[in-house]
PDB file of N, CA and C in Angstrom:
ATOM      1  N   UNK A   1      19.832  -9.591 -27.971  1.00  0.00           N
ATOM      2  CA  UNK A   1      19.670  -8.305 -27.255  1.00  0.00           C
ATOM      3  C   UNK A   1      20.598  -7.912 -26.054  1.00  0.00           C
ATOM      4  N   UNK A   2      20.904  -6.605 -25.983  1.00  0.00           N
ATOM      5  CA  UNK A   2      21.802  -6.452 -24.781  1.00  0.00           C
ATOM      6  C   UNK A   2      21.328  -6.117 -23.476  1.00  0.00           C
ATOM      7  N   UNK A   3      19.763  -5.584 -23.761  1.00  0.00           N
ATOM      8  CA  UNK A   3      19.192  -5.277 -22.448  1.00  0.00           C
ATOM      9  C   UNK A   3      18.649  -6.601 -21.550  1.00  0.00           C
ATOM     10  N   UNK A   4      18.544  -6.118 -20.478  1.00  0.00           N
ATOM     11  CA  UNK A   4      18.044  -7.268 -19.385  1.00  0.00           C
ATOM     12  C   UNK A   4      16.748  -6.623 -18.694  1.00  0.00           C
ATOM     13  N   UNK A   5      15.803  -7.569 -18.307  1.00  0.00           N
ATOM     14  CA  UNK A   5      14.675  -7.135 -17.540  1.00  0.00           C
ATOM     15  C   UNK A   5      14.891  -6.572 -16.268  1.00  0.00           C
ATOM     16  N   UNK A   6      13.965  -5.770 -15.658  1.00  0.00           N
ATOM     17  CA  UNK A   6      14.274  -5.398 -14.375  1.00  0.00           C
ATOM     18  C   UNK A   6      12.931  -6.323 -13.838  1.00  0.00           C
ATOM     19  N   UNK A   7      13.124  -6.492 -12.498  1.00  0.00           N
ATOM     20  CA  UNK A   7      11.778  -7.286 -11.515  1.00  0.00           C
ATOM     21  C   UNK A   7      10.549  -6.671 -12.113  1.00  0.00           C
ATOM     22  N   UNK A   8       9.517  -7.851 -11.637  1.00  0.00           N
ATOM     23  CA  UNK A   8       8.104  -7.385 -12.003  1.00  0.00           C
ATOM     24  C   UNK A   8       7.600  -6.190 -10.975  1.00  0.00           C
ATOM     25  N   UNK A   9       7.408  -5.048 -11.341  1.00  0.00           N
ATOM     26  CA  UNK A   9       6.954  -3.808 -10.389  1.00  0.00           C
ATOM     27  C   UNK A   9       6.030  -4.082  -9.622  1.00  0.00           C
ATOM     28  N   UNK A  10       5.068  -5.268  -9.533  1.00  0.00           N
ATOM     29  CA  UNK A  10       3.890  -5.536  -9.077  1.00  0.00           C
ATOM     30  C   UNK A  10       4.176  -6.492  -8.029  1.00  0.00           C
ATOM     31  N   UNK A  11       5.054  -7.718  -8.244  1.00  0.00           N
ATOM     32  CA  UNK A  11       5.244  -8.676  -7.128  1.00  0.00           C
ATOM     33  C   UNK A  11       6.597  -9.010  -6.981  1.00  0.00           C
ATOM     34  N   UNK A  12       7.337  -8.215  -7.609  1.00  0.00           N
ATOM     35  CA  UNK A  12       8.900  -8.454  -7.396  1.00  0.00           C
ATOM     36  C   UNK A  12       9.700  -9.647  -8.132  1.00  0.00           C
ATOM     37  N   UNK A  13       8.969 -10.482  -8.545  1.00  0.00           N
ATOM     38  CA  UNK A  13       9.503 -11.527  -9.359  1.00  0.00           C
ATOM     39  C   UNK A  13      10.684 -10.999 -10.255  1.00  0.00           C
ATOM     40  N   UNK A  14      11.901 -12.032 -10.486  1.00  0.00           N
ATOM     41  CA  UNK A  14      12.398 -12.074 -11.456  1.00  0.00           C
ATOM     42  C   UNK A  14      12.269 -12.811 -12.778  1.00  0.00           C
ATOM     43  N   UNK A  15      11.403 -13.828 -12.593  1.00  0.00           N
ATOM     44  CA  UNK A  15      10.834 -14.458 -13.792  1.00  0.00           C
ATOM     45  C   UNK A  15       9.868 -13.471 -15.149  1.00  0.00           C
ATOM     46  N   UNK A  16      10.778 -12.987 -15.575  1.00  0.00           N
ATOM     47  CA  UNK A  16      10.260 -12.322 -16.639  1.00  0.00           C
ATOM     48  C   UNK A  16      10.307 -12.851 -18.157  1.00  0.00           C
ATOM     49  N   UNK A  17       9.386 -12.745 -18.828  1.00  0.00           N
ATOM     50  CA  UNK A  17       9.588 -13.153 -20.570  1.00  0.00           C
ATOM     51  C   UNK A  17       9.289 -12.302 -21.236  1.00  0.00           C
ATOM     52  N   UNK A  18       9.737 -12.060 -22.488  1.00  0.00           N
ATOM     53  CA  UNK A  18       9.103 -11.403 -23.464  1.00  0.00           C
ATOM     54  C   UNK A  18       8.055 -12.292 -24.335  1.00  0.00           C
ATOM     55  N   UNK A  19       7.378 -11.254 -25.342  1.00  0.00           N
ATOM     56  CA  UNK A  19       6.019 -12.067 -25.782  1.00  0.00           C
ATOM     57  C   UNK A  19       5.926 -11.239 -27.123  1.00  0.00           C
ATOM     58  N   UNK A  20       5.267 -11.667 -27.915  1.00  0.00           N
ATOM     59  CA  UNK A  20       4.541 -10.970 -29.371  1.00  0.00           C
ATOM     60  C   UNK A  20       3.291 -11.114 -29.659  1.00  0.00           C
ATOM     61  N   UNK A  21       2.883 -10.454 -30.127  1.00  0.00           N
ATOM     62  CA  UNK A  21       1.232 -10.600 -31.167  1.00  0.00           C
ATOM     63  C   UNK A  21       1.714 -10.402 -32.342  1.00  0.00           C
ATOM     64  N   UNK A  22       0.772 -10.279 -33.329  1.00  0.00           N
ATOM     65  CA  UNK A  22       1.255 -10.029 -34.708  1.00  0.00           C
ATOM     66  C   UNK A  22       2.041  -8.723 -35.041  1.00  0.00           C
ATOM     67  N   UNK A  23       1.632  -7.532 -34.208  1.00  0.00           N
ATOM     68  CA  UNK A  23       2.410  -6.309 -34.648  1.00  0.00           C
ATOM     69  C   UNK A  23       3.193  -5.760 -33.398  1.00  0.00           C
ATOM     70  N   UNK A  24       2.868  -6.591 -32.248  1.00  0.00           N
ATOM     71  CA  UNK A  24       3.567  -5.744 -30.938  1.00  0.00           C
ATOM     72  C   UNK A  24       4.539  -6.804 -30.113  1.00  0.00           C
ATOM     73  N   UNK A  25       5.380  -6.385 -29.091  1.00  0.00           N
ATOM     74  CA  UNK A  25       5.725  -6.923 -28.425  1.00  0.00           C
ATOM     75  C   UNK A  25       5.656  -6.282 -26.944  1.00  0.00           C
ATOM     76  N   UNK A  26       5.959  -7.413 -26.147  1.00  0.00           N
ATOM     77  CA  UNK A  26       5.475  -7.065 -24.681  1.00  0.00           C
ATOM     78  C   UNK A  26       6.196  -7.767 -23.868  1.00  0.00           C
ATOM     79  N   UNK A  27       6.385  -7.345 -22.613  1.00  0.00           N
ATOM     80  CA  UNK A  27       7.052  -7.886 -21.480  1.00  0.00           C
ATOM     81  C   UNK A  27       6.136  -8.621 -20.629  1.00  0.00           C
ATOM     82  N   UNK A  28       6.260  -9.657 -19.914  1.00  0.00           N
ATOM     83  CA  UNK A  28       5.388 -10.231 -19.027  1.00  0.00           C
ATOM     84  C   UNK A  28       6.038 -10.972 -18.044  1.00  0.00           C
ATOM     85  N   UNK A  29       5.200 -10.659 -16.860  1.00  0.00           N
ATOM     86  CA  UNK A  29       5.668 -11.424 -15.856  1.00  0.00           C
ATOM     87  C   UNK A  29       5.279 -13.008 -15.286  1.00  0.00           C
ATOM     88  N   UNK A  30       6.131 -13.903 -15.420  1.00  0.00           N
ATOM     89  CA  UNK A  30       5.480 -15.239 -15.695  1.00  0.00           C
ATOM     90  C   UNK A  30       4.791 -15.464 -13.983  1.00  0.00           C
ATOM     91  N   UNK A  31       5.195 -14.944 -12.810  1.00  0.00           N
ATOM     92  CA  UNK A  31       4.484 -15.253 -11.701  1.00  0.00           C
ATOM     93  C   UNK A  31       3.190 -14.747 -11.356  1.00  0.00           C
ATOM     94  N   UNK A  32       2.973 -13.476 -11.791  1.00  0.00           N
ATOM     95  CA  UNK A  32       1.752 -12.802 -11.764  1.00  0.00           C
ATOM     96  C   UNK A  32       0.926 -12.452 -13.036  1.00  0.00           C
ATOM     97  N   UNK A  33       1.514 -12.711 -14.028  1.00  0.00           N
ATOM     98  CA  UNK A  33       0.840 -12.507 -15.271  1.00  0.00           C
ATOM     99  C   UNK A  33       0.719 -10.873 -15.636  1.00  0.00           C
ATOM    100  N   UNK A  34       1.374  -9.889 -15.054  1.00  0.00           N
ATOM    101  CA  UNK A  34       1.371  -8.594 -15.378  1.00  0.00           C
ATOM    102  C   UNK A  34       2.041  -8.463 -16.697  1.00  0.00           C
ATOM    103  N   UNK A  35       1.649  -7.652 -17.408  1.00  0.00           N
ATOM    104  CA  UNK A  35       2.538  -7.078 -18.566  1.00  0.00           C
ATOM    105  C   UNK A  35       2.407  -5.900 -18.684  1.00  0.00           C
ATOM    106  N   UNK A  36       3.699  -5.491 -19.591  1.00  0.00           N
ATOM    107  CA  UNK A  36       3.813  -3.863 -19.792  1.00  0.00           C
ATOM    108  C   UNK A  36       3.303  -3.403 -20.880  1.00  0.00           C
ATOM    109  N   UNK A  37       3.422  -2.205 -21.234  1.00  0.00           N
ATOM    110  CA  UNK A  37       2.910  -1.674 -22.309  1.00  0.00           C
ATOM    111  C   UNK A  37       3.216  -2.186 -23.586  1.00  0.00           C
ATOM    112  N   UNK A  38       2.502  -2.338 -24.818  1.00  0.00           N
ATOM    113  CA  UNK A  38       2.957  -3.114 -26.129  1.00  0.00           C
ATOM    114  C   UNK A  38       4.040  -2.261 -26.602  1.00  0.00           C
ATOM    115  N   UNK A  39       4.616  -2.758 -27.599  1.00  0.00           N
ATOM    116  CA  UNK A  39       5.216  -1.479 -28.381  1.00  0.00           C
ATOM    117  C   UNK A  39       5.333  -2.463 -29.785  1.00  0.00           C
ATOM    118  N   UNK A  40       5.903  -1.476 -30.584  1.00  0.00           N
ATOM    119  CA  UNK A  40       6.200  -2.152 -32.059  1.00  0.00           C
ATOM    120  C   UNK A  40       7.773  -3.020 -31.990  1.00  0.00           C
ATOM    121  N   UNK A  41       8.549  -2.567 -31.078  1.00  0.00           N
ATOM    122  CA  UNK A  41       9.928  -3.292 -31.001  1.00  0.00           C
ATOM    123  C   UNK A  41      10.083  -3.990 -29.672  1.00  0.00           C
ATOM    124  N   UNK A  42      10.935  -4.919 -29.586  1.00  0.00           N
ATOM    125  CA  UNK A  42      11.334  -5.514 -28.592  1.00  0.00           C
ATOM    126  C   UNK A  42      11.861  -4.528 -27.435  1.00  0.00           C
ATOM    127  N   UNK A  43      12.807  -3.793 -28.339  1.00  0.00           N
ATOM    128  CA  UNK A  43      13.735  -2.839 -27.326  1.00  0.00           C
ATOM    129  C   UNK A  43      12.518  -1.878 -26.457  1.00  0.00           C
ATOM    130  N   UNK A  44      11.824  -1.451 -27.328  1.00  0.00           N
ATOM    131  CA  UNK A  44      10.727  -0.460 -26.853  1.00  0.00           C
ATOM    132  C   UNK A  44       9.957  -1.057 -25.660  1.00  0.00           C
ATOM    133  N   UNK A  45       9.622  -2.299 -25.934  1.00  0.00           N
ATOM    134  CA  UNK A  45       8.789  -3.056 -24.702  1.00  0.00           C
ATOM    135  C   UNK A  45       9.766  -2.902 -23.734  1.00  0.00           C
ATOM    136  N   UNK A  46      10.987  -3.598 -23.503  1.00  0.00           N
ATOM    137  CA  UNK A  46      12.037  -3.774 -22.635  1.00  0.00           C
ATOM    138  C   UNK A  46      12.174  -2.195 -21.864  1.00  0.00           C
ATOM    139  N   UNK A  47      12.208  -1.200 -22.612  1.00  0.00           N
ATOM    140  CA  UNK A  47      12.279   0.083 -22.193  1.00  0.00           C
ATOM    141  C   UNK A  47      11.375   0.609 -21.461  1.00  0.00           C
ATOM    142  N   UNK A  48       9.888   0.276 -22.162  1.00  0.00           N
ATOM    143  CA  UNK A  48       9.137   0.898 -21.279  1.00  0.00           C
ATOM    144  C   UNK A  48       8.591  -0.219 -19.807  1.00  0.00           C
ATOM    145  N   UNK A  49       8.949  -1.740 -20.099  1.00  0.00           N
ATOM    146  CA  UNK A  49       9.032  -2.336 -18.862  1.00  0.00           C
ATOM    147  C   UNK A  49       9.834  -1.840 -17.784  1.00  0.00           C
ATOM    148  N   UNK A  50      10.996  -1.536 -18.246  1.00  0.00           N
ATOM    149  CA  UNK A  50      11.902  -1.245 -16.982  1.00  0.00           C
ATOM    150  C   UNK A  50      11.688   0.191 -16.443  1.00  0.00           C
ATOM    151  N   UNK A  51      11.024   0.989 -17.428  1.00  0.00           N
ATOM    152  CA  UNK A  51      10.558   2.402 -17.046  1.00  0.00           C
ATOM    153  C   UNK A  51       9.471   2.471 -15.769  1.00  0.00           C
ATOM    154  N   UNK A  52       8.566   1.364 -16.328  1.00  0.00           N
ATOM    155  CA  UNK A  52       7.244   1.067 -15.297  1.00  0.00           C
ATOM    156  C   UNK A  52       8.069   0.584 -13.818  1.00  0.00           C
ATOM    157  N   UNK A  53       8.844  -0.360 -13.876  1.00  0.00           N
ATOM    158  CA  UNK A  53       9.464  -0.741 -12.719  1.00  0.00           C
ATOM    159  C   UNK A  53      10.168   0.064 -11.911  1.00  0.00           C
ATOM    160  N   UNK A  54      11.060   0.912 -12.862  1.00  0.00           N
ATOM    161  CA  UNK A  54      11.543   2.105 -11.527  1.00  0.00           C
ATOM    162  C   UNK A  54      10.478   2.891 -11.121  1.00  0.00           C
ATOM    163  N   UNK A  55       9.560   3.586 -12.030  1.00  0.00           N
ATOM    164  CA  UNK A  55       8.586   4.474 -11.364  1.00  0.00           C
ATOM    165  C   UNK A  55       7.703   3.855 -10.264  1.00  0.00           C
ATOM    166  N   UNK A  56       7.549   2.634 -10.186  1.00  0.00           N
ATOM    167  CA  UNK A  56       6.655   1.888  -9.282  1.00  0.00           C
ATOM    168  C   UNK A  56       7.841   1.797  -7.930  1.00  0.00           C
ATOM    169  N   UNK A  57       9.145   1.467  -8.121  1.00  0.00           N
ATOM    170  CA  UNK A  57      10.159   1.504  -7.004  1.00  0.00           C
ATOM    171  C   UNK A  57      10.350   2.822  -6.360  1.00  0.00           C
ATOM    172  N   UNK A  58      10.511   4.311  -7.267  1.00  0.00           N
ATOM    173  CA  UNK A  58      10.191   5.373  -6.535  1.00  0.00           C
ATOM    174  C   UNK A  58       9.104   5.677  -5.967  1.00  0.00           C
ATOM    175  N   UNK A  59       8.119   5.372  -6.600  1.00  0.00           N
ATOM    176  CA  UNK A  59       6.587   5.346  -5.646  1.00  0.00           C
ATOM    177  C   UNK A  59       6.788   4.937  -4.363  1.00  0.00           C
ATOM    178  N   UNK A  60       7.243   3.881  -4.406  1.00  0.00           N
ATOM    179  CA  UNK A  60       7.264   2.860  -3.184  1.00  0.00           C
ATOM    180  C   UNK A  60       8.059   3.625  -2.115  1.00  0.00           C
ATOM    181  N   UNK A  61       9.079   3.971  -2.476  1.00  0.00           N
ATOM    182  CA  UNK A  61       9.898   4.862  -1.556  1.00  0.00           C
ATOM    183  C   UNK A  61       9.338   5.769  -1.372  1.00  0.00           C
ATOM    184  N   UNK A  62       9.039   7.062  -1.867  1.00  0.00           N
ATOM    185  CA  UNK A  62       8.418   7.995  -1.581  1.00  0.00           C
ATOM    186  C   UNK A  62       7.162   7.740  -0.244  1.00  0.00           C
ATOM    187  N   UNK A  63       6.504   6.538  -0.683  1.00  0.00           N
ATOM    188  CA  UNK A  63       5.374   6.210   0.471  1.00  0.00           C
ATOM    189  C   UNK A  63       5.901   5.920   1.794  1.00  0.00           C
ATOM    190  N   UNK A  64       6.969   5.077   1.277  1.00  0.00           N
ATOM    191  CA  UNK A  64       7.951   4.754   2.802  1.00  0.00           C
ATOM    192  C   UNK A  64       8.345   5.569   3.574  1.00  0.00           C
ATOM    193  N   UNK A  65       9.148   6.787   2.774  1.00  0.00           N
ATOM    194  CA  UNK A  65       9.559   7.770   3.668  1.00  0.00           C
ATOM    195  C   UNK A  65       8.637   8.480   4.255  1.00  0.00           C
ATOM    196  N   UNK A  66       7.272   8.770   3.530  1.00  0.00           N
ATOM    197  CA  UNK A  66       6.157   9.576   4.129  1.00  0.00           C
ATOM    198  C   UNK A  66       5.748   8.672   5.278  1.00  0.00           C
ATOM    199  N   UNK A  67       5.900   7.713   5.259  1.00  0.00           N
ATOM    200  CA  UNK A  67       5.477   6.766   6.387  1.00  0.00           C
ATOM    201  C   UNK A  67       6.356   6.769   7.640  1.00  0.00           C
ATOM    202  N   UNK A  68       7.478   6.785   7.048  1.00  0.00           N
ATOM    203  CA  UNK A  68       8.433   6.933   8.269  1.00  0.00           C
ATOM    204  C   UNK A  68       8.395   8.307   9.111  1.00  0.00           C
ATOM    205  N   UNK A  69       8.401   9.303   8.419  1.00  0.00           N
ATOM    206  CA  UNK A  69       8.183  10.623   8.696  1.00  0.00           C
ATOM    207  C   UNK A  69       6.826  10.791   9.803  1.00  0.00           C
ATOM    208  N   UNK A  70       5.736  10.192   9.221  1.00  0.00           N
ATOM    209  CA  UNK A  70       4.417  10.137  10.041  1.00  0.00           C
ATOM    210  C   UNK A  70       4.847   9.212  11.374  1.00  0.00           C
ATOM    211  N   UNK A  71       5.461   8.185  11.252  1.00  0.00           N
ATOM    212  CA  UNK A  71       5.796   7.572  12.539  1.00  0.00           C
ATOM    213  C   UNK A  71       6.651   8.300  13.492  1.00  0.00           C
ATOM    214  N   UNK A  72       7.680   8.976  12.820  1.00  0.00           N
ATOM    215  CA  UNK A  72       8.483   9.574  14.020  1.00  0.00           C
ATOM    216  C   UNK A  72       7.646  10.781  14.486  1.00  0.00           C
ATOM    217  N   UNK A  73       6.935  11.460  13.766  1.00  0.00           N
ATOM    218  CA  UNK A  73       6.029  12.457  14.536  1.00  0.00           C
ATOM    219  C   UNK A  73       5.536  11.994  15.653  1.00  0.00           C
ATOM    220  N   UNK A  74       4.499  10.804  15.072  1.00  0.00           N
ATOM    221  CA  UNK A  74       3.695  10.133  16.267  1.00  0.00           C
ATOM    222  C   UNK A  74       4.347   9.774  17.630  1.00  0.00           C
ATOM    223  N   UNK A  75       5.959   9.139  17.176  1.00  0.00           N
ATOM    224  CA  UNK A  75       6.597   8.880  18.472  1.00  0.00           C
ATOM    225  C   UNK A  75       6.975  10.034  18.998  1.00  0.00           C
ATOM    226  N   UNK A  76       7.162  11.230  18.658  1.00  0.00           N
ATOM    227  CA  UNK A  76       7.636  12.451  19.116  1.00  0.00           C
ATOM    228  C   UNK A  76       6.430  13.023  19.978  1.00  0.00           C
ATOM    229  N   UNK A  77       5.487  12.898  19.511  1.00  0.00           N
ATOM    230  CA  UNK A  77       4.156  13.369  20.272  1.00  0.00           C
ATOM    231  C   UNK A  77       3.565  12.497  21.418  1.00  0.00           C
ATOM    232  N   UNK A  78       3.780  11.234  21.253  1.00  0.00           N
ATOM    233  CA  UNK A  78       3.808  10.268  22.482  1.00  0.00           C
ATOM    234  C   UNK A  78       4.908  10.841  23.470  1.00  0.00           C
ATOM    235  N   UNK A  79       5.949  10.690  23.008  1.00  0.00           N
ATOM    236  CA  UNK A  79       6.859  11.305  24.231  1.00  0.00           C
ATOM    237  C   UNK A  79       6.787  12.430  24.804  1.00  0.00           C
ATOM    238  N   UNK A  80       6.315  13.447  24.018  1.00  0.00           N
ATOM    239  CA  UNK A  80       6.021  14.764  24.631  1.00  0.00           C
ATOM    240  C   UNK A  80       4.792  14.627  25.330  1.00  0.00           C
ATOM    241  N   UNK A  81       3.652  13.670  25.228  1.00  0.00           N
ATOM    242  CA  UNK A  81       2.879  13.495  26.351  1.00  0.00           C
ATOM    243  C   UNK A  81       2.966  12.691  27.591  1.00  0.00           C
ATOM    244  N   UNK A  82       4.078  11.619  27.511  1.00  0.00           N
ATOM    245  CA  UNK A  82       4.885  11.351  28.440  1.00  0.00           C
ATOM    246  C   UNK A  82       5.479  12.027  29.263  1.00  0.00           C
ATOM    247  N   UNK A  83       6.172  13.281  28.856  1.00  0.00           N
ATOM    248  CA  UNK A  83       6.698  14.038  29.656  1.00  0.00           C
ATOM    249  C   UNK A  83       5.793  15.055  30.395  1.00  0.00           C
ATOM    250  N   UNK A  84       4.667  15.340  29.731  1.00  0.00           N
ATOM    251  CA  UNK A  84       3.454  16.387  30.211  1.00  0.00           C
ATOM    252  C   UNK A  84       3.177  15.453  31.266  1.00  0.00           C
ATOM    253  N   UNK A  85       2.801  14.357  31.343  1.00  0.00           N
ATOM    254  CA  UNK A  85       2.181  13.576  32.199  1.00  0.00           C
ATOM    255  C   UNK A  85       3.106  13.193  33.455  1.00  0.00           C
ATOM    256  N   UNK A  86       4.166  12.840  33.042  1.00  0.00           N
ATOM    257  CA  UNK A  86       5.186  12.960  34.518  1.00  0.00           C
ATOM    258  C   UNK A  86       5.368  14.191  35.165  1.00  0.00           C
ATOM    259  N   UNK A  87       5.085  15.412  34.335  1.00  0.00           N
ATOM    260  CA  UNK A  87       5.413  16.532  34.845  1.00  0.00           C
ATOM    261  C   UNK A  87       4.413  17.039  35.650  1.00  0.00           C
ATOM    262  N   UNK A  88       2.982  16.419  35.217  1.00  0.00           N
ATOM    263  CA  UNK A  88       1.818  16.730  36.010  1.00  0.00           C
ATOM    264  C   UNK A  88       1.527  15.984  37.061  1.00  0.00           C
ATOM    265  N   UNK A  89       2.015  14.737  37.147  1.00  0.00           N
ATOM    266  CA  UNK A  89       2.148  14.053  38.191  1.00  0.00           C
ATOM    267  C   UNK A  89       2.819  14.346  39.412  1.00  0.00           C
ATOM    268  N   UNK A  90       4.129  14.977  38.986  1.00  0.00           N
ATOM    269  CA  UNK A  90       4.748  15.609  40.196  1.00  0.00           C
ATOM    270  C   UNK A  90       4.324  16.898  40.612  1.00  0.00           C
ATOM    271  N   UNK A  91       3.607  17.840  40.138  1.00  0.00           N
ATOM    272  CA  UNK A  91       2.910  18.707  40.893  1.00  0.00           C
ATOM    273  C   UNK A  91       2.058  18.483  41.560  1.00  0.00           C
TER     274      UNK A  91
END
């Protein structure tokens, strides 16, 4: 199979394996034991696992960007307060 597994979307491990039941295939992280959606084909299971990994990465990036924006706003507010305090002390 030409596809490779993306890292675990939950623990970031690269220790990933495929498995199967009687009718389905799945991808599983051997570090945290998380498994992706079952699929009737191995290719489908890999595709779903990789999509899950990408979705979690994007969600994490959005949360990270939102957090950075909030931190920057807080820093600006603190700076404005410092300026106001310094100005009021001069008066």
